[in-house]
Amino acid sequence: MVTEGSETHHRHAGDSLGFGLPADVVIANRTAHPCTYLVALARS
Protein backbone atom coordinates (compact mmCIF):
# COMPACT_ATOMS: atom_id res chain seq x y z
CA MET A 1 0.00 0.00 0.00
CA VAL A 2 1.30 3.46 -0.89
CA THR A 3 -0.14 6.56 0.73
CA GLU A 4 0.71 9.81 -1.04
CA GLY A 5 -0.61 12.80 0.87
CA SER A 6 -4.26 11.91 1.56
CA GLU A 7 -4.56 9.41 -1.33
CA THR A 8 -4.04 5.65 -0.84
CA HIS A 9 -3.01 3.31 -3.68
CA HIS A 10 -3.16 -0.49 -3.32
CA ARG A 11 -0.36 -2.03 -5.40
CA HIS A 12 -0.02 -5.55 -6.78
CA ALA A 13 2.86 -7.43 -8.44
CA GLY A 14 3.92 -5.64 -11.62
CA ASP A 15 2.09 -2.37 -10.84
CA SER A 16 3.76 1.02 -11.12
CA LEU A 17 2.95 4.40 -9.66
CA GLY A 18 4.03 7.89 -10.73
CA PHE A 19 4.03 10.61 -8.11
CA GLY A 20 2.70 14.13 -8.55
CA LEU A 21 3.61 17.27 -6.66
CA PRO A 22 5.75 16.82 -3.53
CA ALA A 23 3.80 15.20 -0.69
CA ASP A 24 4.44 12.91 2.26
CA VAL A 25 4.67 9.29 1.08
CA VAL A 26 4.32 6.12 3.17
CA ILE A 27 5.02 2.68 1.68
CA ALA A 28 3.64 -0.11 3.88
CA ASN A 29 3.42 -3.88 3.54
CA ARG A 30 0.51 -4.96 5.71
CA THR A 31 0.72 -8.62 4.74
CA ALA A 32 2.79 -11.57 5.97
CA HIS A 33 4.40 -11.87 2.50
CA PRO A 34 7.74 -10.26 1.60
CA CYS A 35 7.61 -7.09 -0.49
CA THR A 36 10.28 -5.68 -2.82
CA TYR A 37 9.99 -2.31 -4.54
CA LEU A 38 12.16 -0.08 -6.69
CA VAL A 39 12.26 3.70 -6.47
CA ALA A 40 13.64 5.48 -9.54
CA LEU A 41 14.21 9.22 -9.61
CA ALA A 42 14.63 11.33 -12.74
CA ARG A 43 15.20 15.05 -13.22
CA SER A 44 13.99 16.88 -16.27
PDB file of N, CA and C in Angstrom:
ATOM      1  N   MET A   1       0.850  -1.165   0.000  1.00  0.00           N
ATOM      2  CA  MET A   1       0.000   0.000   0.000  1.00  0.00           C
ATOM      3  C   MET A   1       0.898   1.231   0.000  1.00  0.00           C
ATOM      4  N   VAL A   2       0.556   2.208  -0.819  1.00  0.00           N
ATOM      5  CA  VAL A   2       1.305   3.458  -0.888  1.00  0.00           C
ATOM      6  C   VAL A   2       0.337   4.592  -0.576  1.00  0.00           C
ATOM      7  N   THR A   3       0.662   5.383   0.411  1.00  0.00           N
ATOM      8  CA  THR A   3      -0.140   6.557   0.730  1.00  0.00           C
ATOM      9  C   THR A   3       0.666   7.778   0.325  1.00  0.00           C
ATOM     10  N   GLU A   4       0.085   8.582  -0.557  1.00  0.00           N
ATOM     11  CA  GLU A   4       0.709   9.813  -1.044  1.00  0.00           C
ATOM     12  C   GLU A   4      -0.193  10.967  -0.638  1.00  0.00           C
ATOM     13  N   GLY A   5       0.258  11.745   0.346  1.00  0.00           N
ATOM     14  CA  GLY A   5      -0.612  12.802   0.871  1.00  0.00           C
ATOM     15  C   GLY A   5      -1.839  12.164   1.507  1.00  0.00           C
ATOM     16  N   SER A   6      -3.022  12.480   1.016  1.00  0.00           N
ATOM     17  CA  SER A   6      -4.260  11.906   1.558  1.00  0.00           C
ATOM     18  C   SER A   6      -4.818  10.791   0.672  1.00  0.00           C
ATOM     19  N   GLU A   7      -4.091  10.411  -0.377  1.00  0.00           N
ATOM     20  CA  GLU A   7      -4.565   9.411  -1.330  1.00  0.00           C
ATOM     21  C   GLU A   7      -3.843   8.080  -1.109  1.00  0.00           C
ATOM     22  N   THR A   8      -4.613   6.974  -1.048  1.00  0.00           N
ATOM     23  CA  THR A   8      -4.039   5.650  -0.840  1.00  0.00           C
ATOM     24  C   THR A   8      -4.166   4.827  -2.113  1.00  0.00           C
ATOM     25  N   HIS A   9      -3.060   4.160  -2.494  1.00  0.00           N
ATOM     26  CA  HIS A   9      -3.011   3.311  -3.682  1.00  0.00           C
ATOM     27  C   HIS A   9      -2.655   1.900  -3.232  1.00  0.00           C
ATOM     28  N   HIS A  10      -3.462   0.905  -3.617  1.00  0.00           N
ATOM     29  CA  HIS A  10      -3.155  -0.488  -3.318  1.00  0.00           C
ATOM     30  C   HIS A  10      -2.429  -1.068  -4.520  1.00  0.00           C
ATOM     31  N   ARG A  11      -1.206  -1.534  -4.324  1.00  0.00           N
ATOM     32  CA  ARG A  11      -0.356  -2.035  -5.401  1.00  0.00           C
ATOM     33  C   ARG A  11      -0.350  -3.546  -5.414  1.00  0.00           C
ATOM     34  N   HIS A  12      -0.136  -4.109  -6.590  1.00  0.00           N
ATOM     35  CA  HIS A  12      -0.024  -5.554  -6.780  1.00  0.00           C
ATOM     36  C   HIS A  12       1.211  -5.824  -7.622  1.00  0.00           C
ATOM     37  N   ALA A  13       1.650  -7.068  -7.677  1.00  0.00           N
ATOM     38  CA  ALA A  13       2.858  -7.430  -8.435  1.00  0.00           C
ATOM     39  C   ALA A  13       2.782  -6.866  -9.852  1.00  0.00           C
ATOM     40  N   GLY A  14       3.843  -6.190 -10.276  1.00  0.00           N
ATOM     41  CA  GLY A  14       3.919  -5.639 -11.622  1.00  0.00           C
ATOM     42  C   GLY A  14       3.338  -4.250 -11.780  1.00  0.00           C
ATOM     43  N   ASP A  15       2.670  -3.709 -10.761  1.00  0.00           N
ATOM     44  CA  ASP A  15       2.092  -2.367 -10.844  1.00  0.00           C
ATOM     45  C   ASP A  15       3.180  -1.306 -10.770  1.00  0.00           C
ATOM     46  N   SER A  16       2.858  -0.126 -11.263  1.00  0.00           N
ATOM     47  CA  SER A  16       3.756   1.016 -11.121  1.00  0.00           C
ATOM     48  C   SER A  16       2.934   2.209 -10.643  1.00  0.00           C
ATOM     49  N   LEU A  17       3.633   3.218 -10.168  1.00  0.00           N
ATOM     50  CA  LEU A  17       2.946   4.403  -9.659  1.00  0.00           C
ATOM     51  C   LEU A  17       3.841   5.606  -9.891  1.00  0.00           C
ATOM     52  N   GLY A  18       3.310   6.630 -10.541  1.00  0.00           N
ATOM     53  CA  GLY A  18       4.025   7.887 -10.727  1.00  0.00           C
ATOM     54  C   GLY A  18       3.512   8.893  -9.715  1.00  0.00           C
ATOM     55  N   PHE A  19       4.413   9.646  -9.131  1.00  0.00           N
ATOM     56  CA  PHE A  19       4.030  10.609  -8.108  1.00  0.00           C
ATOM     57  C   PHE A  19       3.839  11.994  -8.709  1.00  0.00           C
ATOM     58  N   GLY A  20       2.974  12.772  -8.103  1.00  0.00           N
ATOM     59  CA  GLY A  20       2.698  14.130  -8.553  1.00  0.00           C
ATOM     60  C   GLY A  20       3.538  15.135  -7.797  1.00  0.00           C
ATOM     61  N   LEU A  21       2.926  16.224  -7.408  1.00  0.00           N
ATOM     62  CA  LEU A  21       3.615  17.270  -6.655  1.00  0.00           C
ATOM     63  C   LEU A  21       4.156  16.714  -5.346  1.00  0.00           C
ATOM     64  N   PRO A  22       5.186  17.314  -4.785  1.00  0.00           N
ATOM     65  CA  PRO A  22       5.752  16.817  -3.532  1.00  0.00           C
ATOM     66  C   PRO A  22       4.693  16.659  -2.443  1.00  0.00           C
ATOM     67  N   ALA A  23       4.719  15.509  -1.787  1.00  0.00           N
ATOM     68  CA  ALA A  23       3.796  15.201  -0.689  1.00  0.00           C
ATOM     69  C   ALA A  23       4.441  14.130   0.177  1.00  0.00           C
ATOM     70  N   ASP A  24       3.974  13.998   1.407  1.00  0.00           N
ATOM     71  CA  ASP A  24       4.444  12.913   2.265  1.00  0.00           C
ATOM     72  C   ASP A  24       4.027  11.589   1.646  1.00  0.00           C
ATOM     73  N   VAL A  25       4.942  10.604   1.650  1.00  0.00           N
ATOM     74  CA  VAL A  25       4.665   9.289   1.077  1.00  0.00           C
ATOM     75  C   VAL A  25       4.998   8.228   2.117  1.00  0.00           C
ATOM     76  N   VAL A  26       4.099   7.256   2.285  1.00  0.00           N
ATOM     77  CA  VAL A  26       4.321   6.115   3.165  1.00  0.00           C
ATOM     78  C   VAL A  26       4.122   4.860   2.340  1.00  0.00           C
ATOM     79  N   ILE A  27       5.128   3.973   2.355  1.00  0.00           N
ATOM     80  CA  ILE A  27       5.025   2.684   1.680  1.00  0.00           C
ATOM     81  C   ILE A  27       4.944   1.636   2.780  1.00  0.00           C
ATOM     82  N   ALA A  28       3.858   0.858   2.809  1.00  0.00           N
ATOM     83  CA  ALA A  28       3.644  -0.111   3.880  1.00  0.00           C
ATOM     84  C   ALA A  28       3.242  -1.466   3.315  1.00  0.00           C
ATOM     85  N   ASN A  29       3.809  -2.513   3.867  1.00  0.00           N
ATOM     86  CA  ASN A  29       3.419  -3.875   3.535  1.00  0.00           C
ATOM     87  C   ASN A  29       2.642  -4.415   4.727  1.00  0.00           C
ATOM     88  N   ARG A  30       1.363  -4.522   4.596  1.00  0.00           N
ATOM     89  CA  ARG A  30       0.513  -4.964   5.709  1.00  0.00           C
ATOM     90  C   ARG A  30       0.113  -6.423   5.570  1.00  0.00           C
ATOM     91  N   THR A  31       0.961  -7.196   4.901  1.00  0.00           N
ATOM     92  CA  THR A  31       0.718  -8.624   4.738  1.00  0.00           C
ATOM     93  C   THR A  31       1.861  -9.394   5.389  1.00  0.00           C
ATOM     94  N   ALA A  32       1.723 -10.713   5.441  1.00  0.00           N
ATOM     95  CA  ALA A  32       2.788 -11.570   5.971  1.00  0.00           C
ATOM     96  C   ALA A  32       3.785 -11.947   4.878  1.00  0.00           C
ATOM     97  N   HIS A  33       3.544 -11.514   3.640  1.00  0.00           N
ATOM     98  CA  HIS A  33       4.402 -11.866   2.503  1.00  0.00           C
ATOM     99  C   HIS A  33       5.486 -10.812   2.309  1.00  0.00           C
ATOM    100  N   PRO A  34       6.684 -11.235   1.854  1.00  0.00           N
ATOM    101  CA  PRO A  34       7.740 -10.256   1.597  1.00  0.00           C
ATOM    102  C   PRO A  34       7.349  -9.296   0.474  1.00  0.00           C
ATOM    103  N   CYS A  35       7.907  -8.115   0.514  1.00  0.00           N
ATOM    104  CA  CYS A  35       7.611  -7.093  -0.488  1.00  0.00           C
ATOM    105  C   CYS A  35       8.927  -6.459  -0.941  1.00  0.00           C
ATOM    106  N   THR A  36       9.102  -6.335  -2.258  1.00  0.00           N
ATOM    107  CA  THR A  36      10.276  -5.681  -2.818  1.00  0.00           C
ATOM    108  C   THR A  36       9.781  -4.576  -3.744  1.00  0.00           C
ATOM    109  N   TYR A  37      10.391  -3.404  -3.668  1.00  0.00           N
ATOM    110  CA  TYR A  37       9.991  -2.313  -4.544  1.00  0.00           C
ATOM    111  C   TYR A  37      11.225  -1.564  -5.007  1.00  0.00           C
ATOM    112  N   LEU A  38      11.083  -0.871  -6.100  1.00  0.00           N
ATOM    113  CA  LEU A  38      12.160  -0.082  -6.687  1.00  0.00           C
ATOM    114  C   LEU A  38      11.703   1.364  -6.771  1.00  0.00           C
ATOM    115  N   VAL A  39      12.542   2.266  -6.339  1.00  0.00           N
ATOM    116  CA  VAL A  39      12.256   3.697  -6.469  1.00  0.00           C
ATOM    117  C   VAL A  39      13.264   4.264  -7.470  1.00  0.00           C
ATOM    118  N   ALA A  40      12.777   4.864  -8.534  1.00  0.00           N
ATOM    119  CA  ALA A  40      13.645   5.475  -9.540  1.00  0.00           C
ATOM    120  C   ALA A  40      13.335   6.965  -9.611  1.00  0.00           C
ATOM    121  N   LEU A  41      14.376   7.772  -9.562  1.00  0.00           N
ATOM    122  CA  LEU A  41      14.215   9.223  -9.612  1.00  0.00           C
ATOM    123  C   LEU A  41      14.801   9.750 -10.911  1.00  0.00           C
ATOM    124  N   ALA A  42      14.134  10.715 -11.513  1.00  0.00           N
ATOM    125  CA  ALA A  42      14.629  11.330 -12.741  1.00  0.00           C
ATOM    126  C   ALA A  42      14.403  12.836 -12.659  1.00  0.00           C
ATOM    127  N   ARG A  43      15.346  13.592 -13.159  1.00  0.00           N
ATOM    128  CA  ARG A  43      15.200  15.049 -13.218  1.00  0.00           C
ATOM    129  C   ARG A  43      15.031  15.448 -14.667  1.00  0.00           C
ATOM    130  N   SER A  44      14.179  16.425 -14.884  1.00  0.00           N
ATOM    131  CA  SER A  44      13.993  16.879 -16.267  1.00  0.00           C
ATOM    132  C   SER A  44      14.451  18.307 -16.421  1.00  0.00           C
TER     133      SER A  44
END
